[in-house]
Structures are given as structure tokens and as C-alpha cells.
N, C-alpha and C. Protein backbone atom coordinates (compact mmCIF):
# COMPACT_ATOMS: atom_id res chain seq x y z
N MET A 1 0.80 -1.19 0.00
CA MET A 1 0.00 0.00 0.00
C MET A 1 0.85 1.26 0.00
N SER A 2 2.02 1.16 0.55
CA SER A 2 2.88 2.33 0.58
C SER A 2 3.39 2.67 -0.82
N GLN A 3 3.06 1.85 -1.80
CA GLN A 3 3.50 2.09 -3.16
C GLN A 3 2.48 2.86 -3.97
N ILE A 4 1.44 3.38 -3.33
CA ILE A 4 0.43 4.16 -4.04
C ILE A 4 1.05 5.51 -4.38
N ALA A 5 1.04 5.82 -5.66
CA ALA A 5 1.68 7.04 -6.13
C ALA A 5 0.73 8.22 -6.14
N ASN A 6 -0.54 7.97 -6.31
CA ASN A 6 -1.53 9.05 -6.40
C ASN A 6 -1.70 9.68 -5.02
N GLU A 7 -1.33 10.96 -4.94
CA GLU A 7 -1.32 11.67 -3.65
C GLU A 7 -2.71 11.73 -3.01
N PRO A 8 -3.80 12.08 -3.72
CA PRO A 8 -5.13 12.13 -3.08
C PRO A 8 -5.56 10.76 -2.55
N VAL A 9 -5.23 9.69 -3.27
CA VAL A 9 -5.59 8.35 -2.81
C VAL A 9 -4.78 8.01 -1.56
N ARG A 10 -3.49 8.34 -1.57
CA ARG A 10 -2.64 8.08 -0.41
C ARG A 10 -3.14 8.88 0.80
N ALA A 11 -3.55 10.13 0.60
CA ALA A 11 -4.05 10.96 1.70
C ALA A 11 -5.36 10.38 2.25
N ALA A 12 -6.22 9.90 1.35
CA ALA A 12 -7.49 9.30 1.79
C ALA A 12 -7.22 8.02 2.58
N LEU A 13 -6.27 7.24 2.13
CA LEU A 13 -5.93 6.00 2.83
C LEU A 13 -5.36 6.31 4.21
N ASP A 14 -4.52 7.33 4.30
CA ASP A 14 -3.99 7.72 5.61
C ASP A 14 -5.11 8.19 6.54
N LYS A 15 -6.03 8.97 6.00
CA LYS A 15 -7.17 9.44 6.80
C LYS A 15 -8.01 8.25 7.27
N PHE A 16 -8.22 7.30 6.36
CA PHE A 16 -8.99 6.10 6.70
C PHE A 16 -8.32 5.33 7.84
N ARG A 17 -7.02 5.15 7.77
CA ARG A 17 -6.29 4.45 8.82
C ARG A 17 -6.41 5.19 10.15
N HIS A 18 -6.31 6.51 10.08
CA HIS A 18 -6.41 7.32 11.29
C HIS A 18 -7.80 7.17 11.92
N LEU A 19 -8.83 7.29 11.09
CA LEU A 19 -10.20 7.19 11.60
C LEU A 19 -10.51 5.79 12.11
N SER A 20 -9.98 4.78 11.45
CA SER A 20 -10.24 3.39 11.84
C SER A 20 -9.65 3.06 13.20
N ALA A 21 -8.64 3.80 13.60
CA ALA A 21 -7.99 3.53 14.88
C ALA A 21 -8.85 3.96 16.06
N ASP A 22 -9.80 4.86 15.84
CA ASP A 22 -10.64 5.39 16.91
C ASP A 22 -11.93 4.56 17.03
N ALA A 23 -12.17 3.99 18.20
CA ALA A 23 -13.32 3.12 18.42
C ALA A 23 -14.65 3.87 18.23
N GLU A 24 -14.73 5.08 18.72
CA GLU A 24 -15.97 5.86 18.59
C GLU A 24 -16.25 6.15 17.12
N THR A 25 -15.23 6.48 16.35
CA THR A 25 -15.41 6.74 14.93
C THR A 25 -15.88 5.48 14.22
N ARG A 26 -15.32 4.33 14.58
CA ARG A 26 -15.77 3.07 13.98
C ARG A 26 -17.23 2.79 14.32
N ARG A 27 -17.60 3.07 15.57
CA ARG A 27 -18.99 2.86 15.99
C ARG A 27 -19.94 3.75 15.20
N LEU A 28 -19.58 5.02 15.05
CA LEU A 28 -20.42 5.95 14.29
C LEU A 28 -20.51 5.55 12.82
N ALA A 29 -19.40 5.10 12.26
CA ALA A 29 -19.41 4.65 10.86
C ALA A 29 -20.32 3.44 10.70
N PHE A 30 -20.24 2.53 11.66
CA PHE A 30 -21.11 1.35 11.62
C PHE A 30 -22.57 1.75 11.69
N MET A 31 -22.89 2.66 12.61
CA MET A 31 -24.27 3.13 12.75
C MET A 31 -24.73 3.81 11.46
N HIS A 32 -23.87 4.61 10.87
CA HIS A 32 -24.20 5.29 9.62
C HIS A 32 -24.47 4.27 8.51
N GLU A 33 -23.65 3.23 8.49
CA GLU A 33 -23.82 2.19 7.47
C GLU A 33 -25.11 1.40 7.69
N ARG A 34 -25.49 1.18 8.94
CA ARG A 34 -26.67 0.40 9.28
C ARG A 34 -27.97 1.20 9.20
N ALA A 35 -27.87 2.51 9.21
CA ALA A 35 -29.07 3.36 9.29
C ALA A 35 -30.11 3.04 8.23
N PRO A 36 -29.76 2.92 6.96
CA PRO A 36 -30.81 2.61 5.97
C PRO A 36 -31.51 1.27 6.25
N HIS A 37 -30.73 0.28 6.66
CA HIS A 37 -31.33 -1.02 6.98
C HIS A 37 -32.24 -0.91 8.20
N ASP A 38 -31.77 -0.22 9.23
CA ASP A 38 -32.57 -0.07 10.45
C ASP A 38 -33.86 0.68 10.16
N GLU A 39 -33.77 1.74 9.36
CA GLU A 39 -34.96 2.51 9.00
C GLU A 39 -35.93 1.65 8.22
N SER A 40 -35.40 0.87 7.31
CA SER A 40 -36.24 -0.04 6.52
C SER A 40 -36.93 -1.05 7.42
N SER A 41 -36.19 -1.59 8.39
CA SER A 41 -36.77 -2.55 9.32
C SER A 41 -37.86 -1.92 10.17
N LEU A 42 -37.63 -0.70 10.63
CA LEU A 42 -38.64 -0.01 11.43
C LEU A 42 -39.90 0.23 10.62
N LEU A 43 -39.74 0.66 9.37
CA LEU A 43 -40.90 0.88 8.51
C LEU A 43 -41.65 -0.42 8.26
N LYS A 44 -40.90 -1.49 8.04
CA LYS A 44 -41.52 -2.80 7.82
C LYS A 44 -42.29 -3.22 9.06
N ASP A 45 -41.66 -3.06 10.24
CA ASP A 45 -42.33 -3.43 11.49
C ASP A 45 -43.60 -2.61 11.69
N ALA A 46 -43.53 -1.31 11.42
CA ALA A 46 -44.70 -0.45 11.57
C ALA A 46 -45.81 -0.87 10.60
N ARG A 47 -45.42 -1.20 9.38
CA ARG A 47 -46.40 -1.66 8.39
C ARG A 47 -47.06 -2.95 8.86
N GLU A 48 -46.26 -3.89 9.34
CA GLU A 48 -46.80 -5.16 9.81
C GLU A 48 -47.70 -4.96 11.02
N GLU A 49 -47.30 -4.06 11.91
CA GLU A 49 -48.12 -3.77 13.08
C GLU A 49 -49.46 -3.18 12.66
N GLY A 50 -49.42 -2.27 11.70
CA GLY A 50 -50.66 -1.69 11.18
C GLY A 50 -51.54 -2.74 10.54
N MET A 51 -50.93 -3.67 9.82
CA MET A 51 -51.70 -4.74 9.20
C MET A 51 -52.33 -5.62 10.27
N GLN A 52 -51.57 -5.92 11.33
CA GLN A 52 -52.10 -6.75 12.42
C GLN A 52 -53.28 -6.05 13.08
N GLU A 53 -53.14 -4.75 13.31
CA GLU A 53 -54.24 -3.99 13.93
C GLU A 53 -55.46 -4.00 13.03
N GLY A 54 -55.23 -3.83 11.73
CA GLY A 54 -56.34 -3.85 10.78
C GLY A 54 -57.01 -5.21 10.73
N MET A 55 -56.20 -6.27 10.76
CA MET A 55 -56.77 -7.61 10.74
C MET A 55 -57.57 -7.88 12.01
N GLU A 56 -57.05 -7.44 13.17
CA GLU A 56 -57.77 -7.64 14.42
C GLU A 56 -59.08 -6.86 14.42
N LYS A 57 -59.05 -5.64 13.90
CA LYS A 57 -60.28 -4.85 13.81
C LYS A 57 -61.28 -5.55 12.91
N GLY A 58 -60.81 -6.09 11.80
CA GLY A 58 -61.70 -6.82 10.88
C GLY A 58 -62.29 -8.06 11.54
N ARG A 59 -61.47 -8.78 12.30
CA ARG A 59 -61.99 -9.96 13.02
C ARG A 59 -63.04 -9.55 14.04
N GLU A 60 -62.77 -8.47 14.77
CA GLU A 60 -63.74 -8.00 15.78
C GLU A 60 -65.05 -7.59 15.11
N GLU A 61 -64.95 -6.89 14.00
CA GLU A 61 -66.17 -6.50 13.28
C GLU A 61 -66.92 -7.74 12.79
N GLY A 62 -66.17 -8.75 12.36
CA GLY A 62 -66.80 -10.00 11.92
C GLY A 62 -67.50 -10.71 13.06
N ARG A 63 -66.85 -10.75 14.23
CA ARG A 63 -67.48 -11.38 15.40
C ARG A 63 -68.75 -10.62 15.79
N GLN A 64 -68.67 -9.30 15.75
CA GLN A 64 -69.83 -8.49 16.13
C GLN A 64 -70.97 -8.72 15.14
N GLU A 65 -70.67 -8.80 13.87
CA GLU A 65 -71.71 -9.04 12.86
C GLU A 65 -72.33 -10.42 13.07
N ALA A 66 -71.51 -11.41 13.41
CA ALA A 66 -72.03 -12.75 13.68
C ALA A 66 -72.95 -12.73 14.91
N GLN A 67 -72.54 -12.01 15.96
CA GLN A 67 -73.40 -11.86 17.15
C GLN A 67 -74.74 -11.27 16.76
N ARG A 68 -74.67 -10.21 15.97
CA ARG A 68 -75.88 -9.50 15.55
C ARG A 68 -76.80 -10.43 14.77
N GLU A 69 -76.23 -11.19 13.84
CA GLU A 69 -77.04 -12.10 13.02
C GLU A 69 -77.66 -13.21 13.87
N LEU A 70 -76.89 -13.77 14.81
CA LEU A 70 -77.44 -14.82 15.66
C LEU A 70 -78.56 -14.29 16.55
N LEU A 71 -78.36 -13.11 17.10
CA LEU A 71 -79.40 -12.52 17.94
C LEU A 71 -80.65 -12.24 17.12
N GLU A 72 -80.46 -11.72 15.93
CA GLU A 72 -81.61 -11.44 15.08
C GLU A 72 -82.37 -12.73 14.76
N GLN A 73 -81.65 -13.80 14.47
CA GLN A 73 -82.30 -15.09 14.19
C GLN A 73 -83.06 -15.60 15.42
N LEU A 74 -82.42 -15.51 16.59
CA LEU A 74 -83.07 -15.94 17.82
C LEU A 74 -84.37 -15.16 18.04
N LEU A 75 -84.29 -13.85 17.89
CA LEU A 75 -85.48 -13.02 18.13
C LEU A 75 -86.57 -13.30 17.11
N MET A 76 -86.19 -13.57 15.88
CA MET A 76 -87.19 -13.87 14.85
C MET A 76 -87.86 -15.22 15.14
N VAL A 77 -87.10 -16.19 15.61
CA VAL A 77 -87.68 -17.49 15.96
C VAL A 77 -88.64 -17.33 17.13
N ARG A 78 -88.24 -16.54 18.11
CA ARG A 78 -89.07 -16.38 19.32
C ARG A 78 -90.25 -15.45 19.12
N PHE A 79 -90.09 -14.34 18.33
CA PHE A 79 -91.12 -13.31 18.29
C PHE A 79 -91.64 -12.99 16.89
N GLY A 80 -91.16 -13.68 15.87
CA GLY A 80 -91.59 -13.41 14.50
C GLY A 80 -90.82 -12.25 13.89
N SER A 81 -91.36 -11.70 12.84
CA SER A 81 -90.69 -10.59 12.14
C SER A 81 -90.38 -9.46 13.11
N LEU A 82 -89.21 -8.88 12.93
CA LEU A 82 -88.78 -7.80 13.82
C LEU A 82 -89.20 -6.46 13.26
N PRO A 83 -89.70 -5.59 14.12
CA PRO A 83 -90.03 -4.24 13.66
C PRO A 83 -88.75 -3.47 13.28
N VAL A 84 -88.92 -2.45 12.48
CA VAL A 84 -87.79 -1.65 12.00
C VAL A 84 -86.97 -1.09 13.15
N ARG A 85 -87.63 -0.64 14.21
CA ARG A 85 -86.90 -0.07 15.34
C ARG A 85 -86.00 -1.10 16.00
N ALA A 86 -86.43 -2.36 16.06
CA ALA A 86 -85.60 -3.42 16.65
C ALA A 86 -84.38 -3.69 15.77
N VAL A 87 -84.60 -3.75 14.46
CA VAL A 87 -83.49 -3.98 13.53
C VAL A 87 -82.50 -2.82 13.62
N ALA A 88 -82.99 -1.60 13.75
CA ALA A 88 -82.12 -0.42 13.87
C ALA A 88 -81.31 -0.48 15.16
N ARG A 89 -81.92 -0.92 16.24
CA ARG A 89 -81.19 -1.02 17.51
C ARG A 89 -80.11 -2.08 17.42
N LEU A 90 -80.41 -3.19 16.77
CA LEU A 90 -79.41 -4.24 16.58
C LEU A 90 -78.23 -3.71 15.77
N ALA A 91 -78.53 -2.97 14.72
CA ALA A 91 -77.48 -2.46 13.83
C ALA A 91 -76.54 -1.49 14.55
N GLY A 92 -77.05 -0.76 15.51
CA GLY A 92 -76.23 0.23 16.20
C GLY A 92 -75.58 -0.24 17.48
N ALA A 93 -75.77 -1.50 17.84
CA ALA A 93 -75.29 -2.00 19.13
C ALA A 93 -73.85 -2.52 19.05
N ASP A 94 -73.13 -2.38 20.16
CA ASP A 94 -71.79 -2.97 20.24
C ASP A 94 -71.88 -4.39 20.78
N SER A 95 -70.75 -5.07 20.84
CA SER A 95 -70.72 -6.47 21.25
C SER A 95 -71.28 -6.70 22.66
N ALA A 96 -70.93 -5.82 23.58
CA ALA A 96 -71.40 -5.98 24.96
C ALA A 96 -72.93 -5.88 25.02
N GLN A 97 -73.50 -4.92 24.32
CA GLN A 97 -74.95 -4.76 24.33
C GLN A 97 -75.64 -5.95 23.65
N LEU A 98 -75.06 -6.42 22.55
CA LEU A 98 -75.63 -7.58 21.87
C LEU A 98 -75.63 -8.80 22.79
N ALA A 99 -74.58 -8.97 23.58
CA ALA A 99 -74.50 -10.11 24.51
C ALA A 99 -75.60 -10.02 25.56
N VAL A 100 -75.85 -8.82 26.07
CA VAL A 100 -76.92 -8.63 27.07
C VAL A 100 -78.26 -8.96 26.46
N TRP A 101 -78.52 -8.44 25.28
CA TRP A 101 -79.79 -8.70 24.61
C TRP A 101 -79.96 -10.19 24.28
N PHE A 102 -78.86 -10.85 23.91
CA PHE A 102 -78.95 -12.27 23.60
C PHE A 102 -79.37 -13.05 24.84
N GLN A 103 -78.76 -12.75 25.99
CA GLN A 103 -79.12 -13.44 27.23
C GLN A 103 -80.59 -13.20 27.57
N ARG A 104 -81.04 -11.97 27.42
CA ARG A 104 -82.44 -11.68 27.68
C ARG A 104 -83.35 -12.38 26.67
N GLY A 105 -82.87 -12.44 25.42
CA GLY A 105 -83.69 -13.03 24.35
C GLY A 105 -83.99 -14.50 24.56
N VAL A 106 -83.17 -15.18 25.30
CA VAL A 106 -83.38 -16.61 25.54
C VAL A 106 -84.60 -16.84 26.43
N THR A 107 -84.84 -15.95 27.39
CA THR A 107 -85.92 -16.19 28.35
C THR A 107 -87.03 -15.13 28.33
N ALA A 108 -86.84 -14.02 27.66
CA ALA A 108 -87.82 -12.93 27.69
C ALA A 108 -89.15 -13.37 27.07
N SER A 109 -90.24 -12.82 27.61
CA SER A 109 -91.56 -13.17 27.08
C SER A 109 -92.01 -12.22 25.98
N THR A 110 -91.36 -11.06 25.88
CA THR A 110 -91.71 -10.11 24.82
C THR A 110 -90.43 -9.49 24.24
N LEU A 111 -90.56 -8.96 23.04
CA LEU A 111 -89.44 -8.29 22.41
C LEU A 111 -89.03 -7.04 23.21
N ASP A 112 -90.02 -6.35 23.77
CA ASP A 112 -89.71 -5.18 24.59
C ASP A 112 -88.89 -5.56 25.83
N ALA A 113 -89.12 -6.75 26.35
CA ALA A 113 -88.35 -7.20 27.51
C ALA A 113 -86.90 -7.47 27.15
N VAL A 114 -86.64 -7.83 25.90
CA VAL A 114 -85.28 -8.06 25.44
C VAL A 114 -84.51 -6.75 25.42
N PHE A 115 -85.11 -5.74 24.78
CA PHE A 115 -84.42 -4.47 24.58
C PHE A 115 -84.49 -3.55 25.78
N GLY A 116 -85.45 -3.75 26.65
CA GLY A 116 -85.57 -2.89 27.81
C GLY A 116 -85.99 -1.49 27.40
N PRO A 117 -85.97 -0.57 28.32
CA PRO A 117 -86.37 0.81 27.98
C PRO A 117 -85.34 1.47 27.07
N GLU A 118 -85.84 2.28 26.16
CA GLU A 118 -84.93 2.96 25.21
C GLU A 118 -84.28 4.12 25.82
């Protein structure tokens, strides 16, 4: 290496040797070299996390829709065709409310007893 005749190349090589001797400089160079990969990994992880959240939300919505459909079927078997107001209440209910209505629907003697006071 000492046979390099080109002065700018020789100066760069000397600078490289000098910088390589310092542990902190090597650490910073390594971090600089890894930064694009680390950023890419973080973006990938964030994307995957977002996908997981979206999939979980979709599953929850699916479970809620299934609850709603089962409750509607139960109520139709027990009380016949459902009035529009009952269908509207089912459509706007969350999972917890649907579970309460389902429990009531098993033993209630009237549709009004299932839904309780509005």
C-alpha cells in the first residue's frame, strides 16, 4: 500500500487508517452504514403492526356481525318478524350490548323485555 503514487488516494488512505484507529469513529461509521437497513426494518415493522391492527379490527367486526345475526335469528324465531326499530337497535349496538340482549332473548316473554327501555 505504501507504493500508491496518487497523492489524493494516499491521503485518503492515511485518513482512513487514522479514523479506523478510533473506536468511537468506527462505531459511528457502523451506525451510519446500518441506518438505511434499520430505517427499513422499522418501517416494515410499523407496516406489519398496522396490518395486524387492521386484521384484528376486521376480526372484531366479523365477530360483532355474527353476534348481531345470531341474535336477530333468535329473536325472529321467538317473536316473529322484527319491527324496524328493533333492527335499527341491533345495527347500532356494540358487542357488549348484543351479549346482554342475547341473554335476555333466551328467556324474555316479549321483544320489549329483550331491549328494555330505550
